[in-house]
Protein backbone atom coordinates (compact mmCIF):
# COMPACT_ATOMS: atom_id res chain seq x y z
CA MET A 1 75.24 5.02 -59.02
CA PRO A 2 73.17 7.07 -56.33
CA THR A 3 72.06 5.06 -53.31
CA HIS A 4 68.73 4.74 -51.94
CA ARG A 5 69.20 7.51 -49.57
CA ASP A 6 70.78 9.89 -52.10
CA ALA A 7 67.66 9.73 -54.46
CA TRP A 8 65.36 10.34 -52.01
CA ALA A 9 67.64 13.43 -50.65
CA SER A 10 68.00 14.56 -54.33
CA LEU A 11 64.16 14.47 -55.19
CA TRP A 12 63.59 16.27 -51.88
CA GLU A 13 65.68 19.11 -52.59
CA SER A 14 64.35 19.74 -55.93
CA LYS A 15 60.67 18.94 -55.03
CA MET A 16 59.42 22.09 -55.93
CA THR A 17 60.51 22.48 -59.27
CA TYR A 18 57.81 19.49 -60.22
CA ARG A 19 54.77 20.49 -61.86
CA ALA A 20 53.10 17.28 -62.96
CA VAL A 21 53.26 13.49 -62.60
CA LEU A 22 53.33 10.86 -65.51
CA PHE A 23 52.24 7.43 -64.35
CA ASP A 24 52.78 4.10 -66.27
CA LEU A 25 49.50 2.05 -65.62
CA ASP A 26 49.93 -1.66 -65.58
CA GLY A 27 51.98 -2.48 -62.04
CA THR A 28 51.97 1.18 -61.40
CA LEU A 29 48.46 2.53 -60.73
CA LEU A 30 46.41 -0.80 -61.27
CA ASP A 31 47.12 -4.17 -60.56
CA THR A 32 46.43 -6.08 -63.99
CA LEU A 33 48.64 -9.16 -63.56
CA GLU A 34 46.10 -11.80 -62.85
CA ASP A 35 43.76 -10.90 -65.98
CA LEU A 36 46.80 -10.42 -68.20
CA ALA A 37 47.73 -13.87 -67.05
CA ASP A 38 44.63 -15.67 -67.11
CA ALA A 39 43.97 -14.32 -70.77
CA MET A 40 47.29 -15.36 -72.12
CA ASN A 41 46.83 -18.66 -70.38
CA ALA A 42 43.54 -19.34 -71.84
CA VAL A 43 44.94 -18.80 -75.21
CA LEU A 44 47.98 -21.02 -74.57
CA THR A 45 45.39 -23.66 -73.19
CA ALA A 46 43.22 -23.57 -76.44
CA GLU A 47 46.33 -23.85 -78.53
CA GLY A 48 47.55 -27.03 -76.46
CA LEU A 49 50.79 -25.31 -75.34
CA PRO A 50 51.93 -25.07 -71.69
CA THR A 51 50.53 -22.25 -69.60
CA HIS A 52 52.82 -20.42 -66.99
CA PRO A 53 52.05 -19.07 -63.36
CA THR A 54 50.82 -16.01 -62.50
CA ASP A 55 54.26 -14.79 -61.46
CA ALA A 56 56.01 -15.66 -64.46
CA TYR A 57 54.19 -12.99 -66.04
CA ARG A 58 55.90 -10.04 -64.06
CA HIS A 59 58.55 -10.36 -66.72
CA PHE A 60 56.50 -11.19 -69.85
CA VAL A 61 54.46 -7.86 -69.71
CA GLY A 62 55.74 -4.27 -69.84
CA ASP A 63 56.45 -3.93 -73.51
CA GLY A 64 53.39 -4.30 -75.18
CA ILE A 65 50.95 -7.54 -76.29
CA VAL A 66 53.39 -8.52 -79.23
CA ASN A 67 56.19 -8.91 -76.81
CA LEU A 68 53.89 -10.44 -74.16
CA VAL A 69 52.62 -13.18 -76.47
CA ARG A 70 56.18 -13.93 -77.91
CA ARG A 71 57.66 -14.53 -74.18
CA ALA A 72 54.79 -16.87 -73.24
CA LEU A 73 54.97 -19.06 -76.63
CA PRO A 74 57.70 -21.84 -76.20
CA ALA A 75 60.78 -20.86 -78.35
CA ASP A 76 59.75 -23.11 -81.20
CA ARG A 77 56.64 -21.63 -81.61
CA ARG A 78 57.48 -18.06 -82.05
CA ASP A 79 57.08 -17.84 -85.58
CA GLU A 80 55.43 -14.77 -87.23
CA THR A 81 52.11 -16.56 -88.50
CA THR A 82 51.73 -17.92 -85.09
CA LEU A 83 52.74 -14.77 -83.35
CA GLU A 84 50.18 -12.71 -85.46
CA ARG A 85 47.53 -15.16 -84.69
CA LEU A 86 48.00 -15.62 -81.08
CA VAL A 87 48.43 -11.79 -80.16
CA ALA A 88 44.59 -11.38 -82.03
CA ALA A 89 43.57 -14.08 -79.98
CA ASP A 90 45.27 -12.58 -76.72
CA ARG A 91 43.35 -8.99 -77.72
CA GLU A 92 40.15 -11.07 -77.89
CA GLU A 93 40.68 -13.16 -74.58
CA TYR A 94 41.75 -10.45 -72.91
CA ALA A 95 38.94 -7.78 -74.15
CA ARG A 96 36.56 -10.32 -72.20
CA ARG A 97 38.09 -10.75 -68.90
CA TRP A 98 40.42 -7.67 -68.50
CA ASP A 99 38.21 -6.20 -65.37
CA ARG A 100 37.15 -9.50 -63.49
CA LYS A 101 40.60 -9.04 -61.03
CA THR A 102 42.24 -5.64 -61.98
CA ARG A 103 41.95 -3.08 -59.48
CA PRO A 104 44.07 0.09 -58.40
CA TYR A 105 46.85 -0.66 -55.99
CA GLU A 106 46.48 -0.29 -52.22
CA GLY A 107 47.38 3.72 -51.61
CA VAL A 108 46.68 4.53 -55.32
CA PRO A 109 43.30 6.77 -54.46
CA ARG A 110 44.98 8.24 -51.32
CA LEU A 111 48.03 9.59 -53.78
CA LEU A 112 45.84 10.63 -56.64
CA ASP A 113 43.65 12.44 -54.29
CA GLY A 114 46.68 13.98 -52.74
CA LEU A 115 48.47 15.11 -56.22
CA THR A 116 45.09 16.46 -57.31
CA GLY A 117 45.07 18.51 -54.11
CA ARG A 118 48.11 19.98 -54.72
CA GLY A 119 47.15 20.86 -58.15
CA LEU A 120 50.02 18.93 -60.52
CA GLY A 121 48.92 17.64 -63.65
CA LEU A 122 48.48 13.88 -63.87
CA ALA A 123 48.93 11.94 -66.99
CA ILE A 124 49.13 8.24 -67.87
CA LEU A 125 51.43 6.65 -70.68
CA SER A 126 51.06 2.89 -71.23
CA ASN A 127 52.42 0.28 -73.70
CA LYS A 128 48.81 -1.26 -73.69
CA PRO A 129 46.83 -0.42 -76.74
CA ASP A 130 45.52 3.18 -76.57
CA ASP A 131 41.62 1.93 -76.57
CA SER A 132 42.21 -0.49 -73.99
CA THR A 133 44.35 2.14 -71.74
CA ARG A 134 41.56 4.47 -72.16
CA LEU A 135 39.02 1.95 -71.22
CA CYS A 136 41.03 1.21 -68.11
CA VAL A 137 41.31 4.32 -66.89
CA GLU A 138 37.47 5.20 -67.68
CA LYS A 139 36.35 2.33 -65.44
CA LEU A 140 38.60 1.73 -62.80
CA LEU A 141 40.09 5.39 -62.13
CA PRO A 142 36.67 7.61 -62.54
CA GLY A 143 37.17 9.46 -59.65
CA TRP A 144 40.22 11.62 -61.00
CA SER A 145 40.91 13.89 -64.11
CA PHE A 146 43.84 12.99 -66.07
CA ASP A 147 45.40 15.69 -68.16
CA ALA A 148 46.51 12.81 -70.79
CA VAL A 149 45.96 9.35 -71.24
CA GLN A 150 47.97 7.55 -74.08
CA GLY A 151 48.38 4.01 -74.98
CA VAL A 152 49.98 2.34 -77.94
CA ALA A 153 48.64 4.21 -81.38
CA GLU A 154 49.78 4.90 -84.71
CA GLY A 155 52.33 7.38 -84.47
CA VAL A 156 52.99 6.58 -80.68
CA PRO A 157 55.84 4.21 -80.69
CA LEU A 158 56.50 1.78 -78.00
CA LYS A 159 58.10 3.03 -74.76
CA PRO A 160 61.27 3.31 -73.87
CA ASP A 161 60.73 5.44 -76.93
CA PRO A 162 60.31 8.51 -75.23
CA ALA A 163 58.18 10.41 -77.64
CA GLY A 164 54.96 9.37 -76.17
CA ALA A 165 56.43 11.07 -73.05
CA LEU A 166 57.32 13.99 -74.79
CA GLY A 167 54.28 14.49 -76.54
CA ILE A 168 52.57 14.31 -73.33
CA ALA A 169 54.98 17.15 -71.79
CA ARG A 170 54.14 19.54 -75.03
CA ARG A 171 50.19 18.66 -74.61
CA LEU A 172 50.32 19.81 -70.81
CA GLY A 173 52.80 22.76 -71.75
CA VAL A 174 55.10 21.62 -69.09
CA ALA A 175 58.70 21.19 -69.79
CA PRO A 176 59.90 17.52 -69.38
CA GLY A 177 62.46 18.21 -66.61
CA SER A 178 59.25 19.37 -64.35
CA PHE A 179 58.08 16.15 -64.56
CA LEU A 180 57.90 12.99 -62.11
CA TYR A 181 57.74 9.70 -64.17
CA VAL A 182 56.72 6.79 -61.94
CA GLY A 183 56.90 3.29 -63.54
CA ASP A 184 57.42 -0.07 -62.31
CA THR A 185 59.55 -1.53 -64.99
CA ALA A 186 63.13 -1.08 -66.47
CA THR A 187 61.14 0.03 -69.56
CA ASP A 188 59.52 3.01 -67.55
CA MET A 189 62.80 4.23 -66.02
CA ARG A 190 64.45 4.23 -69.31
CA THR A 191 61.51 6.57 -70.74
CA ALA A 192 62.03 8.74 -68.31
CA VAL A 193 65.68 9.15 -68.82
CA GLY A 194 65.30 9.07 -72.35
CA ALA A 195 62.68 12.52 -72.03
CA GLY A 196 64.50 14.04 -69.28
CA MET A 197 62.20 13.30 -66.57
CA PHE A 198 62.72 12.38 -62.86
CA PRO A 199 62.58 8.40 -63.08
CA VAL A 200 60.63 7.07 -59.81
CA GLY A 201 60.58 3.55 -59.52
CA ALA A 202 57.42 1.55 -58.08
CA LEU A 203 58.40 -1.23 -55.91
CA TRP A 204 54.88 -2.24 -55.05
CA GLY A 205 54.53 -3.36 -58.96
CA PHE A 206 55.89 -6.15 -61.47
CA ARG A 207 59.77 -5.77 -60.94
CA ASP A 208 62.53 -5.42 -58.43
CA ALA A 209 64.82 -2.63 -57.10
CA ASP A 210 67.82 -3.87 -58.61
CA GLU A 211 66.33 -3.85 -61.82
CA LEU A 212 64.81 -0.46 -61.64
CA THR A 213 68.05 0.91 -59.85
CA ALA A 214 70.07 -0.61 -63.02
CA ALA A 215 67.92 1.47 -65.64
CA GLY A 216 68.24 4.76 -64.08
CA ALA A 217 65.59 5.06 -61.34
CA GLN A 218 66.51 7.89 -58.78
CA SER A 219 64.26 7.32 -56.37
CA LEU A 220 62.39 4.10 -55.47
CA LEU A 221 59.20 3.96 -53.38
CA VAL A 222 57.45 1.05 -51.39
CA HIS A 223 54.21 2.37 -51.35
CA PRO A 224 52.29 4.96 -53.69
CA ALA A 225 51.51 7.20 -50.74
CA GLU A 226 55.38 7.83 -50.40
CA LEU A 227 55.26 10.31 -53.33
CA LEU A 228 53.19 12.48 -51.24
CA ASP A 229 55.52 12.49 -48.43
CA LEU A 230 58.11 13.92 -51.25
CA LEU A 231 56.06 16.57 -52.28
């Protein structure tokens, strides 16, 4: 397993080969945790079920809404009927409150400005539903042009399946090996590895260094703007 120093050296030595950056959304560009937690907790409260502290949602999110709801439910309430009903309820609740607290992470605007100025392709791949992904980007990241914005839709499987990432590479006309993939969870790192992209772990997001490294991260960044130092 590469050390932190080796990973940075590897990226530094090969930096000129990178032509595009593919970002995860939640926990990478946008801090969505409180709105996601508040929406799910409101649904649980309406059902008379126990809620969770916001920090617990760091490990509930990242693999799509169905897995979020399943993880938030008590073990004895995860039957398919309840799950389907509360997934629908969470979609509705989140649609009402998704932008109350969600904002770009500190340093993200500078990062996106810098990448744009360097002429790199920019894209987003999320495990959010596609319409929600596009709405978040349109309203909260309006100052930047992304070559592709993709969430979960028919024919686009959840990450860590690399199909979505590979589809974006084809759309941009950039070889997967010329992408940096920046994400904050093991799911993102496995997606990057599966797609043949360079996996960069975002430590300002929802998960920790051990998880990211174990899942294949080749570089770990503490602050978004650090990516500019490597490019």
